[in-house]
Structures are given as structure tokens and as C-alpha cells.
Amino acid sequence: VTGVSDTVLISEFGNDGCMGYIQKPFQPPDLIGLVGRFLQQTEKEVE
């Protein structure tokens, strides 16, 4: 979760093991949707 809009820094997220990001400010449904999709994706990868 970040308030930073620096595209170079954002590109580092993936290099450092981060699977995704959401920029502040956002609405709660956006966060819940992203978390839900991400957890479903990680469960499928484990299977």
C-alpha cells in the first residue's frame, strides 16, 4: 500500500518480492477486492 507515485520505486516492488500494490487514496471496496483476488491467486498457486 503506497502513497508514492514514483514509477521507478513502484517497479522495485516486484523485484523485491512484492506481488502487487495499491496506491493511496483508495476506497475500502478496492482494497477488499484486491486482497480477495490476490489470496485466491496465491491459493491456486499453492495447489
ModelCIF file with pLDDT and N, C-alpha, C, O atoms, coordinates in Angstrom:
data_MODEL
#
_entry.id   MODEL 
#
_entity.id                         1 
_entity.type                       polymer 
_entity.pdbx_number_of_molecules   1 
#
_entity_poly.entity_id                      1 
_entity_poly.type                           'polypeptide(L)' 
_entity_poly.nstd_linkage                   no 
_entity_poly.nstd_monomer                   no 
_entity_poly.pdbx_seq_one_letter_code       VTGVSDTVLISEFGNDGCMGYIQKPFQPPDLIGLVGRFLQQTEKEVE 
_entity_poly.pdbx_seq_one_letter_code_can   VTGVSDTVLISEFGNDGCMGYIQKPFQPPDLIGLVGRFLQQTEKEVE 
_entity_poly.pdbx_strand_id                 A 
#
loop_
_entity_poly_seq.entity_id 
_entity_poly_seq.num 
_entity_poly_seq.mon_id 
_entity_poly_seq.hetero 
1 1  VAL n 
1 2  THR n 
1 3  GLY n 
1 4  VAL n 
1 5  SER n 
1 6  ASP n 
1 7  THR n 
1 8  VAL n 
1 9  LEU n 
1 10 ILE n 
1 11 SER n 
1 12 GLU n 
1 13 PHE n 
1 14 GLY n 
1 15 ASN n 
1 16 ASP n 
1 17 GLY n 
1 18 CYS n 
1 19 MET n 
1 20 GLY n 
1 21 TYR n 
1 22 ILE n 
1 23 GLN n 
1 24 LYS n 
1 25 PRO n 
1 26 PHE n 
1 27 GLN n 
1 28 PRO n 
1 29 PRO n 
1 30 ASP n 
1 31 LEU n 
1 32 ILE n 
1 33 GLY n 
1 34 LEU n 
1 35 VAL n 
1 36 GLY n 
1 37 ARG n 
1 38 PHE n 
1 39 LEU n 
1 40 GLN n 
1 41 GLN n 
1 42 THR n 
1 43 GLU n 
1 44 LYS n 
1 45 GLU n 
1 46 VAL n 
1 47 GLU n 
#
_struct_asym.id          A 
_struct_asym.entity_id   1 
#
loop_
_ma_qa_metric.id 
_ma_qa_metric.mode 
_ma_qa_metric.name 
_ma_qa_metric.software_group_id 
_ma_qa_metric.type 
1 global pLDDT . pLDDT 
2 local  pLDDT . pLDDT 
#
_ma_qa_metric_global.metric_id      1 
_ma_qa_metric_global.metric_value   75.74 
_ma_qa_metric_global.model_id       1 
_ma_qa_metric_global.ordinal_id     1 
#
loop_
_ma_qa_metric_local.label_asym_id 
_ma_qa_metric_local.label_comp_id 
_ma_qa_metric_local.label_seq_id 
_ma_qa_metric_local.metric_id 
_ma_qa_metric_local.metric_value 
_ma_qa_metric_local.model_id 
_ma_qa_metric_local.ordinal_id 
A VAL 1  2 87.00 1 1  
A THR 2  2 81.00 1 2  
A GLY 3  2 78.00 1 3  
A VAL 4  2 71.00 1 4  
A SER 5  2 67.00 1 5  
A ASP 6  2 57.00 1 6  
A THR 7  2 56.00 1 7  
A VAL 8  2 56.00 1 8  
A LEU 9  2 59.00 1 9  
A ILE 10 2 58.00 1 10 
A SER 11 2 58.00 1 11 
A GLU 12 2 60.00 1 12 
A PHE 13 2 58.00 1 13 
A GLY 14 2 56.00 1 14 
A ASN 15 2 54.00 1 15 
A ASP 16 2 55.00 1 16 
A GLY 17 2 57.00 1 17 
A CYS 18 2 67.00 1 18 
A MET 19 2 71.00 1 19 
A GLY 20 2 78.00 1 20 
A TYR 21 2 80.00 1 21 
A ILE 22 2 84.00 1 22 
A GLN 23 2 84.00 1 23 
A LYS 24 2 85.00 1 24 
A PRO 25 2 85.00 1 25 
A PHE 26 2 89.00 1 26 
A GLN 27 2 92.00 1 27 
A PRO 28 2 92.00 1 28 
A PRO 29 2 94.00 1 29 
A ASP 30 2 93.00 1 30 
A LEU 31 2 94.00 1 31 
A ILE 32 2 95.00 1 32 
A GLY 33 2 94.00 1 33 
A LEU 34 2 92.00 1 34 
A VAL 35 2 94.00 1 35 
A GLY 36 2 93.00 1 36 
A ARG 37 2 91.00 1 37 
A PHE 38 2 90.00 1 38 
A LEU 39 2 91.00 1 39 
A GLN 40 2 89.00 1 40 
A GLN 41 2 85.00 1 41 
A THR 42 2 79.00 1 42 
A GLU 43 2 77.00 1 43 
A LYS 44 2 68.00 1 44 
A GLU 45 2 61.00 1 45 
A VAL 46 2 55.00 1 46 
A GLU 47 2 50.00 1 47 
#
loop_
_atom_site.group_PDB 
_atom_site.id 
_atom_site.type_symbol 
_atom_site.label_atom_id 
_atom_site.label_alt_id 
_atom_site.label_comp_id 
_atom_site.label_asym_id 
_atom_site.label_entity_id 
_atom_site.label_seq_id 
_atom_site.pdbx_PDB_ins_code 
_atom_site.Cartn_x 
_atom_site.Cartn_y 
_atom_site.Cartn_z 
_atom_site.occupancy 
_atom_site.B_iso_or_equiv 
_atom_site.pdbx_formal_charge 
_atom_site.auth_seq_id 
_atom_site.auth_comp_id 
_atom_site.auth_asym_id 
_atom_site.auth_atom_id 
_atom_site.pdbx_PDB_model_num 
ATOM 1   N N  . VAL A 1 1  ? 0.884   -1.156  0.000   1.00 87.00 ? 1  VAL A N  1 
ATOM 2   C CA . VAL A 1 1  ? 0.000   0.000   0.000   1.00 87.00 ? 1  VAL A CA 1 
ATOM 3   C C  . VAL A 1 1  ? 0.921   1.203   0.000   1.00 87.00 ? 1  VAL A C  1 
ATOM 4   O O  . VAL A 1 1  ? 1.809   1.301   0.847   1.00 87.00 ? 1  VAL A O  1 
ATOM 5   N N  . THR A 1 2  ? 0.725   2.121   -0.935  1.00 81.00 ? 2  THR A N  1 
ATOM 6   C CA . THR A 1 2  ? 1.653   3.242   -1.005  1.00 81.00 ? 2  THR A CA 1 
ATOM 7   C C  . THR A 1 2  ? 0.986   4.525   -1.471  1.00 81.00 ? 2  THR A C  1 
ATOM 8   O O  . THR A 1 2  ? 0.035   4.509   -2.252  1.00 81.00 ? 2  THR A O  1 
ATOM 9   N N  . GLY A 1 3  ? 1.503   5.618   -0.977  1.00 78.00 ? 3  GLY A N  1 
ATOM 10  C CA . GLY A 1 3  ? 1.103   6.925   -1.457  1.00 78.00 ? 3  GLY A CA 1 
ATOM 11  C C  . GLY A 1 3  ? 2.091   7.444   -2.475  1.00 78.00 ? 3  GLY A C  1 
ATOM 12  O O  . GLY A 1 3  ? 1.899   8.519   -3.042  1.00 78.00 ? 3  GLY A O  1 
ATOM 13  N N  . VAL A 1 4  ? 3.142   6.690   -2.710  1.00 71.00 ? 4  VAL A N  1 
ATOM 14  C CA . VAL A 1 4  ? 4.197   7.071   -3.640  1.00 71.00 ? 4  VAL A CA 1 
ATOM 15  C C  . VAL A 1 4  ? 3.731   6.813   -5.068  1.00 71.00 ? 4  VAL A C  1 
ATOM 16  O O  . VAL A 1 4  ? 3.183   5.752   -5.368  1.00 71.00 ? 4  VAL A O  1 
ATOM 17  N N  . SER A 1 5  ? 3.948   7.779   -5.935  1.00 67.00 ? 5  SER A N  1 
ATOM 18  C CA . SER A 1 5  ? 3.563   7.585   -7.341  1.00 67.00 ? 5  SER A CA 1 
ATOM 19  C C  . SER A 1 5  ? 4.787   7.496   -8.247  1.00 67.00 ? 5  SER A C  1 
ATOM 20  O O  . SER A 1 5  ? 4.666   7.606   -9.467  1.00 67.00 ? 5  SER A O  1 
ATOM 21  N N  . ASP A 1 6  ? 5.946   7.301   -7.664  1.00 57.00 ? 6  ASP A N  1 
ATOM 22  C CA . ASP A 1 6  ? 7.205   7.199   -8.393  1.00 57.00 ? 6  ASP A CA 1 
ATOM 23  C C  . ASP A 1 6  ? 7.251   5.854   -9.131  1.00 57.00 ? 6  ASP A C  1 
ATOM 24  O O  . ASP A 1 6  ? 7.299   4.799   -8.498  1.00 57.00 ? 6  ASP A O  1 
ATOM 25  N N  . THR A 1 7  ? 7.236   5.893   -10.468 1.00 56.00 ? 7  THR A N  1 
ATOM 26  C CA . THR A 1 7  ? 7.189   4.652   -11.245 1.00 56.00 ? 7  THR A CA 1 
ATOM 27  C C  . THR A 1 7  ? 8.452   3.811   -11.074 1.00 56.00 ? 7  THR A C  1 
ATOM 28  O O  . THR A 1 7  ? 8.386   2.586   -11.172 1.00 56.00 ? 7  THR A O  1 
ATOM 29  N N  . VAL A 1 8  ? 9.597   4.442   -10.823 1.00 56.00 ? 8  VAL A N  1 
ATOM 30  C CA . VAL A 1 8  ? 10.831  3.678   -10.600 1.00 56.00 ? 8  VAL A CA 1 
ATOM 31  C C  . VAL A 1 8  ? 10.716  2.894   -9.300  1.00 56.00 ? 8  VAL A C  1 
ATOM 32  O O  . VAL A 1 8  ? 11.064  1.714   -9.251  1.00 56.00 ? 8  VAL A O  1 
ATOM 33  N N  . LEU A 1 9  ? 10.228  3.547   -8.244  1.00 59.00 ? 9  LEU A N  1 
ATOM 34  C CA . LEU A 1 9  ? 10.055  2.857   -6.962  1.00 59.00 ? 9  LEU A CA 1 
ATOM 35  C C  . LEU A 1 9  ? 9.025   1.748   -7.086  1.00 59.00 ? 9  LEU A C  1 
ATOM 36  O O  . LEU A 1 9  ? 9.222   0.653   -6.560  1.00 59.00 ? 9  LEU A O  1 
ATOM 37  N N  . ILE A 1 10 ? 7.930   2.024   -7.776  1.00 58.00 ? 10 ILE A N  1 
ATOM 38  C CA . ILE A 1 10 ? 6.895   1.005   -7.958  1.00 58.00 ? 10 ILE A CA 1 
ATOM 39  C C  . ILE A 1 10 ? 7.451   -0.203  -8.688  1.00 58.00 ? 10 ILE A C  1 
ATOM 40  O O  . ILE A 1 10 ? 7.084   -1.331  -8.360  1.00 58.00 ? 10 ILE A O  1 
ATOM 41  N N  . SER A 1 11 ? 8.325   -0.004  -9.669  1.00 58.00 ? 11 SER A N  1 
ATOM 42  C CA . SER A 1 11 ? 8.911   -1.135  -10.390 1.00 58.00 ? 11 SER A CA 1 
ATOM 43  C C  . SER A 1 11 ? 9.794   -1.969  -9.471  1.00 58.00 ? 11 SER A C  1 
ATOM 44  O O  . SER A 1 11 ? 9.971   -3.163  -9.708  1.00 58.00 ? 11 SER A O  1 
ATOM 45  N N  . GLU A 1 12 ? 10.354  -1.357  -8.422  1.00 60.00 ? 12 GLU A N  1 
ATOM 46  C CA . GLU A 1 12 ? 11.177  -2.095  -7.466  1.00 60.00 ? 12 GLU A CA 1 
ATOM 47  C C  . GLU A 1 12 ? 10.349  -3.067  -6.627  1.00 60.00 ? 12 GLU A C  1 
ATOM 48  O O  . GLU A 1 12 ? 10.874  -4.065  -6.134  1.00 60.00 ? 12 GLU A O  1 
ATOM 49  N N  . PHE A 1 13 ? 9.053   -2.778  -6.462  1.00 58.00 ? 13 PHE A N  1 
ATOM 50  C CA . PHE A 1 13 ? 8.212   -3.641  -5.641  1.00 58.00 ? 13 PHE A CA 1 
ATOM 51  C C  . PHE A 1 13 ? 8.297   -5.089  -6.121  1.00 58.00 ? 13 PHE A C  1 
ATOM 52  O O  . PHE A 1 13 ? 8.503   -6.003  -5.323  1.00 58.00 ? 13 PHE A O  1 
ATOM 53  N N  . GLY A 1 14 ? 8.136   -5.292  -7.439  1.00 56.00 ? 14 GLY A N  1 
ATOM 54  C CA . GLY A 1 14 ? 8.190   -6.638  -7.996  1.00 56.00 ? 14 GLY A CA 1 
ATOM 55  C C  . GLY A 1 14 ? 9.552   -7.274  -7.839  1.00 56.00 ? 14 GLY A C  1 
ATOM 56  O O  . GLY A 1 14 ? 9.652   -8.477  -7.600  1.00 56.00 ? 14 GLY A O  1 
ATOM 57  N N  . ASN A 1 15 ? 10.597  -6.485  -7.970  1.00 54.00 ? 15 ASN A N  1 
ATOM 58  C CA . ASN A 1 15 ? 11.958  -7.001  -7.811  1.00 54.00 ? 15 ASN A CA 1 
ATOM 59  C C  . ASN A 1 15 ? 12.230  -7.435  -6.381  1.00 54.00 ? 15 ASN A C  1 
ATOM 60  O O  . ASN A 1 15 ? 13.073  -8.300  -6.141  1.00 54.00 ? 15 ASN A O  1 
ATOM 61  N N  . ASP A 1 16 ? 11.521  -6.841  -5.434  1.00 55.00 ? 16 ASP A N  1 
ATOM 62  C CA . ASP A 1 16 ? 11.746  -7.149  -4.030  1.00 55.00 ? 16 ASP A CA 1 
ATOM 63  C C  . ASP A 1 16 ? 10.797  -8.213  -3.491  1.00 55.00 ? 16 ASP A C  1 
ATOM 64  O O  . ASP A 1 16 ? 10.762  -8.441  -2.282  1.00 55.00 ? 16 ASP A O  1 
ATOM 65  N N  . GLY A 1 17 ? 10.039  -8.861  -4.344  1.00 57.00 ? 17 GLY A N  1 
ATOM 66  C CA . GLY A 1 17 ? 9.191   -9.953  -3.894  1.00 57.00 ? 17 GLY A CA 1 
ATOM 67  C C  . GLY A 1 17 ? 7.750   -9.574  -3.645  1.00 57.00 ? 17 GLY A C  1 
ATOM 68  O O  . GLY A 1 17 ? 6.968   -10.395 -3.165  1.00 57.00 ? 17 GLY A O  1 
ATOM 69  N N  . CYS A 1 18 ? 7.387   -8.357  -3.960  1.00 67.00 ? 18 CYS A N  1 
ATOM 70  C CA . CYS A 1 18 ? 6.010   -7.918  -3.782  1.00 67.00 ? 18 CYS A CA 1 
ATOM 71  C C  . CYS A 1 18 ? 5.191   -8.381  -4.982  1.00 67.00 ? 18 CYS A C  1 
ATOM 72  O O  . CYS A 1 18 ? 5.631   -8.275  -6.126  1.00 67.00 ? 18 CYS A O  1 
ATOM 73  N N  . MET A 1 19 ? 3.999   -8.892  -4.707  1.00 71.00 ? 19 MET A N  1 
ATOM 74  C CA . MET A 1 19 ? 3.176   -9.445  -5.769  1.00 71.00 ? 19 MET A CA 1 
ATOM 75  C C  . MET A 1 19 ? 2.195   -8.430  -6.367  1.00 71.00 ? 19 MET A C  1 
ATOM 76  O O  . MET A 1 19 ? 1.588   -8.693  -7.405  1.00 71.00 ? 19 MET A O  1 
ATOM 77  N N  . GLY A 1 20 ? 2.039   -7.276  -5.718  1.00 78.00 ? 20 GLY A N  1 
ATOM 78  C CA . GLY A 1 20 ? 1.117   -6.271  -6.224  1.00 78.00 ? 20 GLY A CA 1 
ATOM 79  C C  . GLY A 1 20 ? 1.087   -5.077  -5.304  1.00 78.00 ? 20 GLY A C  1 
ATOM 80  O O  . GLY A 1 20 ? 1.676   -5.091  -4.223  1.00 78.00 ? 20 GLY A O  1 
ATOM 81  N N  . TYR A 1 21 ? 0.394   -4.037  -5.743  1.00 80.00 ? 21 TYR A N  1 
ATOM 82  C CA . TYR A 1 21 ? 0.312   -2.840  -4.928  1.00 80.00 ? 21 TYR A CA 1 
ATOM 83  C C  . TYR A 1 21 ? -1.000  -2.118  -5.191  1.00 80.00 ? 21 TYR A C  1 
ATOM 84  O O  . TYR A 1 21 ? -1.673  -2.354  -6.194  1.00 80.00 ? 21 TYR A O  1 
ATOM 85  N N  . ILE A 1 22 ? -1.345  -1.230  -4.258  1.00 84.00 ? 22 ILE A N  1 
ATOM 86  C CA . ILE A 1 22 ? -2.491  -0.345  -4.405  1.00 84.00 ? 22 ILE A CA 1 
ATOM 87  C C  . ILE A 1 22 ? -2.042  1.029   -3.929  1.00 84.00 ? 22 ILE A C  1 
ATOM 88  O O  . ILE A 1 22 ? -1.401  1.158   -2.886  1.00 84.00 ? 22 ILE A O  1 
ATOM 89  N N  . GLN A 1 23 ? -2.383  2.049   -4.700  1.00 84.00 ? 23 GLN A N  1 
ATOM 90  C CA . GLN A 1 23 ? -1.966  3.403   -4.352  1.00 84.00 ? 23 GLN A CA 1 
ATOM 91  C C  . GLN A 1 23 ? -3.022  4.104   -3.517  1.00 84.00 ? 23 GLN A C  1 
ATOM 92  O O  . GLN A 1 23 ? -4.217  4.020   -3.801  1.00 84.00 ? 23 GLN A O  1 
ATOM 93  N N  . LYS A 1 24 ? -2.557  4.805   -2.471  1.00 85.00 ? 24 LYS A N  1 
ATOM 94  C CA . LYS A 1 24 ? -3.430  5.642   -1.661  1.00 85.00 ? 24 LYS A CA 1 
ATOM 95  C C  . LYS A 1 24 ? -3.709  6.923   -2.440  1.00 85.00 ? 24 LYS A C  1 
ATOM 96  O O  . LYS A 1 24 ? -2.836  7.353   -3.193  1.00 85.00 ? 24 LYS A O  1 
ATOM 97  N N  . PRO A 1 25 ? -4.836  7.537   -2.309  1.00 85.00 ? 25 PRO A N  1 
ATOM 98  C CA . PRO A 1 25 ? -6.002  7.073   -1.553  1.00 85.00 ? 25 PRO A CA 1 
ATOM 99  C C  . PRO A 1 25 ? -6.822  6.098   -2.397  1.00 85.00 ? 25 PRO A C  1 
ATOM 100 O O  . PRO A 1 25 ? -6.780  6.142   -3.626  1.00 85.00 ? 25 PRO A O  1 
ATOM 101 N N  . PHE A 1 26 ? -7.548  5.242   -1.743  1.00 89.00 ? 26 PHE A N  1 
ATOM 102 C CA . PHE A 1 26 ? -8.432  4.292   -2.416  1.00 89.00 ? 26 PHE A CA 1 
ATOM 103 C C  . PHE A 1 26 ? -9.654  4.080   -1.541  1.00 89.00 ? 26 PHE A C  1 
ATOM 104 O O  . PHE A 1 26 ? -9.678  4.465   -0.372  1.00 89.00 ? 26 PHE A O  1 
ATOM 105 N N  . GLN A 1 27 ? -10.652 3.468   -2.120  1.00 92.00 ? 27 GLN A N  1 
ATOM 106 C CA . GLN A 1 27 ? -11.880 3.171   -1.383  1.00 92.00 ? 27 GLN A CA 1 
ATOM 107 C C  . GLN A 1 27 ? -11.782 1.773   -0.782  1.00 92.00 ? 27 GLN A C  1 
ATOM 108 O O  . GLN A 1 27 ? -11.149 0.898   -1.372  1.00 92.00 ? 27 GLN A O  1 
ATOM 109 N N  . PRO A 1 28 ? -12.395 1.543   0.380   1.00 92.00 ? 28 PRO A N  1 
ATOM 110 C CA . PRO A 1 28 ? -12.329 0.215   1.004   1.00 92.00 ? 28 PRO A CA 1 
ATOM 111 C C  . PRO A 1 28 ? -12.702 -0.941  0.070   1.00 92.00 ? 28 PRO A C  1 
ATOM 112 O O  . PRO A 1 28 ? -12.035 -1.974  0.111   1.00 92.00 ? 28 PRO A O  1 
ATOM 113 N N  . PRO A 1 29 ? -13.747 -0.814  -0.778  1.00 94.00 ? 29 PRO A N  1 
ATOM 114 C CA . PRO A 1 29 ? -14.048 -1.931  -1.684  1.00 94.00 ? 29 PRO A CA 1 
ATOM 115 C C  . PRO A 1 29 ? -12.896 -2.272  -2.635  1.00 94.00 ? 29 PRO A C  1 
ATOM 116 O O  . PRO A 1 29 ? -12.729 -3.428  -3.022  1.00 94.00 ? 29 PRO A O  1 
ATOM 117 N N  . ASP A 1 30 ? -12.101 -1.257  -3.011  1.00 93.00 ? 30 ASP A N  1 
ATOM 118 C CA . ASP A 1 30 ? -10.950 -1.515  -3.877  1.00 93.00 ? 30 ASP A CA 1 
ATOM 119 C C  . ASP A 1 30 ? -9.913  -2.379  -3.158  1.00 93.00 ? 30 ASP A C  1 
ATOM 120 O O  . ASP A 1 30 ? -9.363  -3.318  -3.733  1.00 93.00 ? 30 ASP A O  1 
ATOM 121 N N  . LEU A 1 31 ? -9.657  -2.045  -1.888  1.00 94.00 ? 31 LEU A N  1 
ATOM 122 C CA . LEU A 1 31 ? -8.703  -2.826  -1.088  1.00 94.00 ? 31 LEU A CA 1 
ATOM 123 C C  . LEU A 1 31 ? -9.211  -4.249  -0.879  1.00 94.00 ? 31 LEU A C  1 
ATOM 124 O O  . LEU A 1 31 ? -8.466  -5.213  -1.055  1.00 94.00 ? 31 LEU A O  1 
ATOM 125 N N  . ILE A 1 32 ? -10.465 -4.371  -0.508  1.00 95.00 ? 32 ILE A N  1 
ATOM 126 C CA . ILE A 1 32 ? -11.044 -5.696  -0.257  1.00 95.00 ? 32 ILE A CA 1 
ATOM 127 C C  . ILE A 1 32 ? -11.017 -6.544  -1.526  1.00 95.00 ? 32 ILE A C  1 
ATOM 128 O O  . ILE A 1 32 ? -10.707 -7.734  -1.474  1.00 95.00 ? 32 ILE A O  1 
ATOM 129 N N  . GLY A 1 33 ? -11.338 -5.939  -2.652  1.00 94.00 ? 33 GLY A N  1 
ATOM 130 C CA . GLY A 1 33 ? -11.313 -6.668  -3.922  1.00 94.00 ? 33 GLY A CA 1 
ATOM 131 C C  . GLY A 1 33 ? -9.913  -7.136  -4.276  1.00 94.00 ? 33 GLY A C  1 
ATOM 132 O O  . GLY A 1 33 ? -9.723  -8.285  -4.676  1.00 94.00 ? 33 GLY A O  1 
ATOM 133 N N  . LEU A 1 34 ? -8.932  -6.257  -4.132  1.00 92.00 ? 34 LEU A N  1 
ATOM 134 C CA . LEU A 1 34 ? -7.545  -6.622  -4.439  1.00 92.00 ? 34 LEU A CA 1 
ATOM 135 C C  . LEU A 1 34 ? -7.064  -7.745  -3.524  1.00 92.00 ? 34 LEU A C  1 
ATOM 136 O O  . LEU A 1 34 ? -6.468  -8.715  -3.993  1.00 92.00 ? 34 LEU A O  1 
ATOM 137 N N  . VAL A 1 35 ? -7.317  -7.619  -2.232  1.00 94.00 ? 35 VAL A N  1 
ATOM 138 C CA . VAL A 1 35 ? -6.890  -8.647  -1.277  1.00 94.00 ? 35 VAL A CA 1 
ATOM 139 C C  . VAL A 1 35 ? -7.565  -9.981  -1.607  1.00 94.00 ? 35 VAL A C  1 
ATOM 140 O O  . VAL A 1 35 ? -6.908  -11.021 -1.603  1.00 94.00 ? 35 VAL A O  1 
ATOM 141 N N  . GLY A 1 36 ? -8.850  -9.959  -1.887  1.00 93.00 ? 36 GLY A N  1 
ATOM 142 C CA . GLY A 1 36 ? -9.563  -11.198 -2.220  1.00 93.00 ? 36 GLY A CA 1 
ATOM 143 C C  . GLY A 1 36 ? -9.014  -11.873 -3.462  1.00 93.00 ? 36 GLY A C  1 
ATOM 144 O O  . GLY A 1 36 ? -8.789  -13.083 -3.468  1.00 93.00 ? 36 GLY A O  1 
ATOM 145 N N  . ARG A 1 37 ? -8.796  -11.091 -4.517  1.00 91.00 ? 37 ARG A N  1 
ATOM 146 C CA . ARG A 1 37 ? -8.242  -11.654 -5.764  1.00 91.00 ? 37 ARG A CA 1 
ATOM 147 C C  . ARG A 1 37 ? -6.833  -12.202 -5.531  1.00 91.00 ? 37 ARG A C  1 
ATOM 148 O O  . ARG A 1 37 ? -6.488  -13.274 -6.028  1.00 91.00 ? 37 ARG A O  1 
ATOM 149 N N  . PHE A 1 38 ? -6.041  -11.475 -4.788  1.00 90.00 ? 38 PHE A N  1 
ATOM 150 C CA . PHE A 1 38 ? -4.669  -11.888 -4.525  1.00 90.00 ? 38 PHE A CA 1 
ATOM 151 C C  . PHE A 1 38 ? -4.632  -13.190 -3.725  1.00 90.00 ? 38 PHE A C  1 
ATOM 152 O O  . PHE A 1 38 ? -3.868  -14.098 -4.050  1.00 90.00 ? 38 PHE A O  1 
ATOM 153 N N  . LEU A 1 39 ? -5.453  -13.281 -2.683  1.00 91.00 ? 39 LEU A N  1 
ATOM 154 C CA . LEU A 1 39 ? -5.462  -14.506 -1.870  1.00 91.00 ? 39 LEU A CA 1 
ATOM 155 C C  . LEU A 1 39 ? -5.964  -15.702 -2.668  1.00 91.00 ? 39 LEU A C  1 
ATOM 156 O O  . LEU A 1 39 ? -5.468  -16.814 -2.488  1.00 91.00 ? 39 LEU A O  1 
ATOM 157 N N  . GLN A 1 40 ? -6.943  -15.490 -3.548  1.00 89.00 ? 40 GLN A N  1 
ATOM 158 C CA . GLN A 1 40 ? -7.399  -16.584 -4.421  1.00 89.00 ? 40 GLN A CA 1 
ATOM 159 C C  . GLN A 1 40 ? -6.274  -17.025 -5.341  1.00 89.00 ? 40 GLN A C  1 
ATOM 160 O O  . GLN A 1 40 ? -6.071  -18.222 -5.546  1.00 89.00 ? 40 GLN A O  1 
ATOM 161 N N  . GLN A 1 41 ? -5.547  -16.076 -5.893  1.00 85.00 ? 41 GLN A N  1 
ATOM 162 C CA . GLN A 1 41 ? -4.430  -16.388 -6.795  1.00 85.00 ? 41 GLN A CA 1 
ATOM 163 C C  . GLN A 1 41 ? -3.352  -17.170 -6.053  1.00 85.00 ? 41 GLN A C  1 
ATOM 164 O O  . GLN A 1 41 ? -2.844  -18.158 -6.583  1.00 85.00 ? 41 GLN A O  1 
ATOM 165 N N  . THR A 1 42 ? -2.995  -16.756 -4.850  1.00 79.00 ? 42 THR A N  1 
ATOM 166 C CA . THR A 1 42 ? -1.943  -17.457 -4.116  1.00 79.00 ? 42 THR A CA 1 
ATOM 167 C C  . THR A 1 42 ? -2.393  -18.850 -3.713  1.00 79.00 ? 42 THR A C  1 
ATOM 168 O O  . THR A 1 42 ? -1.577  -19.770 -3.664  1.00 79.00 ? 42 THR A O  1 
ATOM 169 N N  . GLU A 1 43 ? -3.688  -19.025 -3.421  1.00 77.00 ? 43 GLU A N  1 
ATOM 170 C CA . GLU A 1 43 ? -4.181  -20.367 -3.091  1.00 77.00 ? 43 GLU A CA 1 
ATOM 171 C C  . GLU A 1 43 ? -4.074  -21.291 -4.295  1.00 77.00 ? 43 GLU A C  1 
ATOM 172 O O  . GLU A 1 43 ? -3.696  -22.454 -4.152  1.00 77.00 ? 43 GLU A O  1 
ATOM 173 N N  . LYS A 1 44 ? -4.404  -20.781 -5.487  1.00 68.00 ? 44 LYS A N  1 
ATOM 174 C CA . LYS A 1 44 ? -4.308  -21.596 -6.709  1.00 68.00 ? 44 LYS A CA 1 
ATOM 175 C C  . LYS A 1 44 ? -2.864  -21.993 -6.972  1.00 68.00 ? 44 LYS A C  1 
ATOM 176 O O  . LYS A 1 44 ? -2.595  -23.122 -7.383  1.00 68.00 ? 44 LYS A O  1 
ATOM 177 N N  . GLU A 1 45 ? -1.926  -21.068 -6.737  1.00 61.00 ? 45 GLU A N  1 
ATOM 178 C CA . GLU A 1 45 ? -0.506  -21.380 -6.961  1.00 61.00 ? 45 GLU A CA 1 
ATOM 179 C C  . GLU A 1 45 ? -0.027  -22.453 -6.001  1.00 61.00 ? 45 GLU A C  1 
ATOM 180 O O  . GLU A 1 45 ? 0.791   -23.293 -6.378  1.00 61.00 ? 45 GLU A O  1 
ATOM 181 N N  . VAL A 1 46 ? -0.517  -22.442 -4.770  1.00 55.00 ? 46 VAL A N  1 
ATOM 182 C CA . VAL A 1 46 ? -0.127  -23.458 -3.787  1.00 55.00 ? 46 VAL A CA 1 
ATOM 183 C C  . VAL A 1 46 ? -0.662  -24.810 -4.179  1.00 55.00 ? 46 VAL A C  1 
ATOM 184 O O  . VAL A 1 46 ? -0.003  -25.824 -3.946  1.00 55.00 ? 46 VAL A O  1 
ATOM 185 N N  . GLU A 1 47 ? -1.869  -24.856 -4.783  1.00 50.00 ? 47 GLU A N  1 
ATOM 186 C CA . GLU A 1 47 ? -2.493  -26.118 -5.182  1.00 50.00 ? 47 GLU A CA 1 
ATOM 187 C C  . GLU A 1 47 ? -1.761  -26.782 -6.331  1.00 50.00 ? 47 GLU A C  1 
ATOM 188 O O  . GLU A 1 47 ? -2.164  -27.855 -6.782  1.00 50.00 ? 47 GLU A O  1 
#
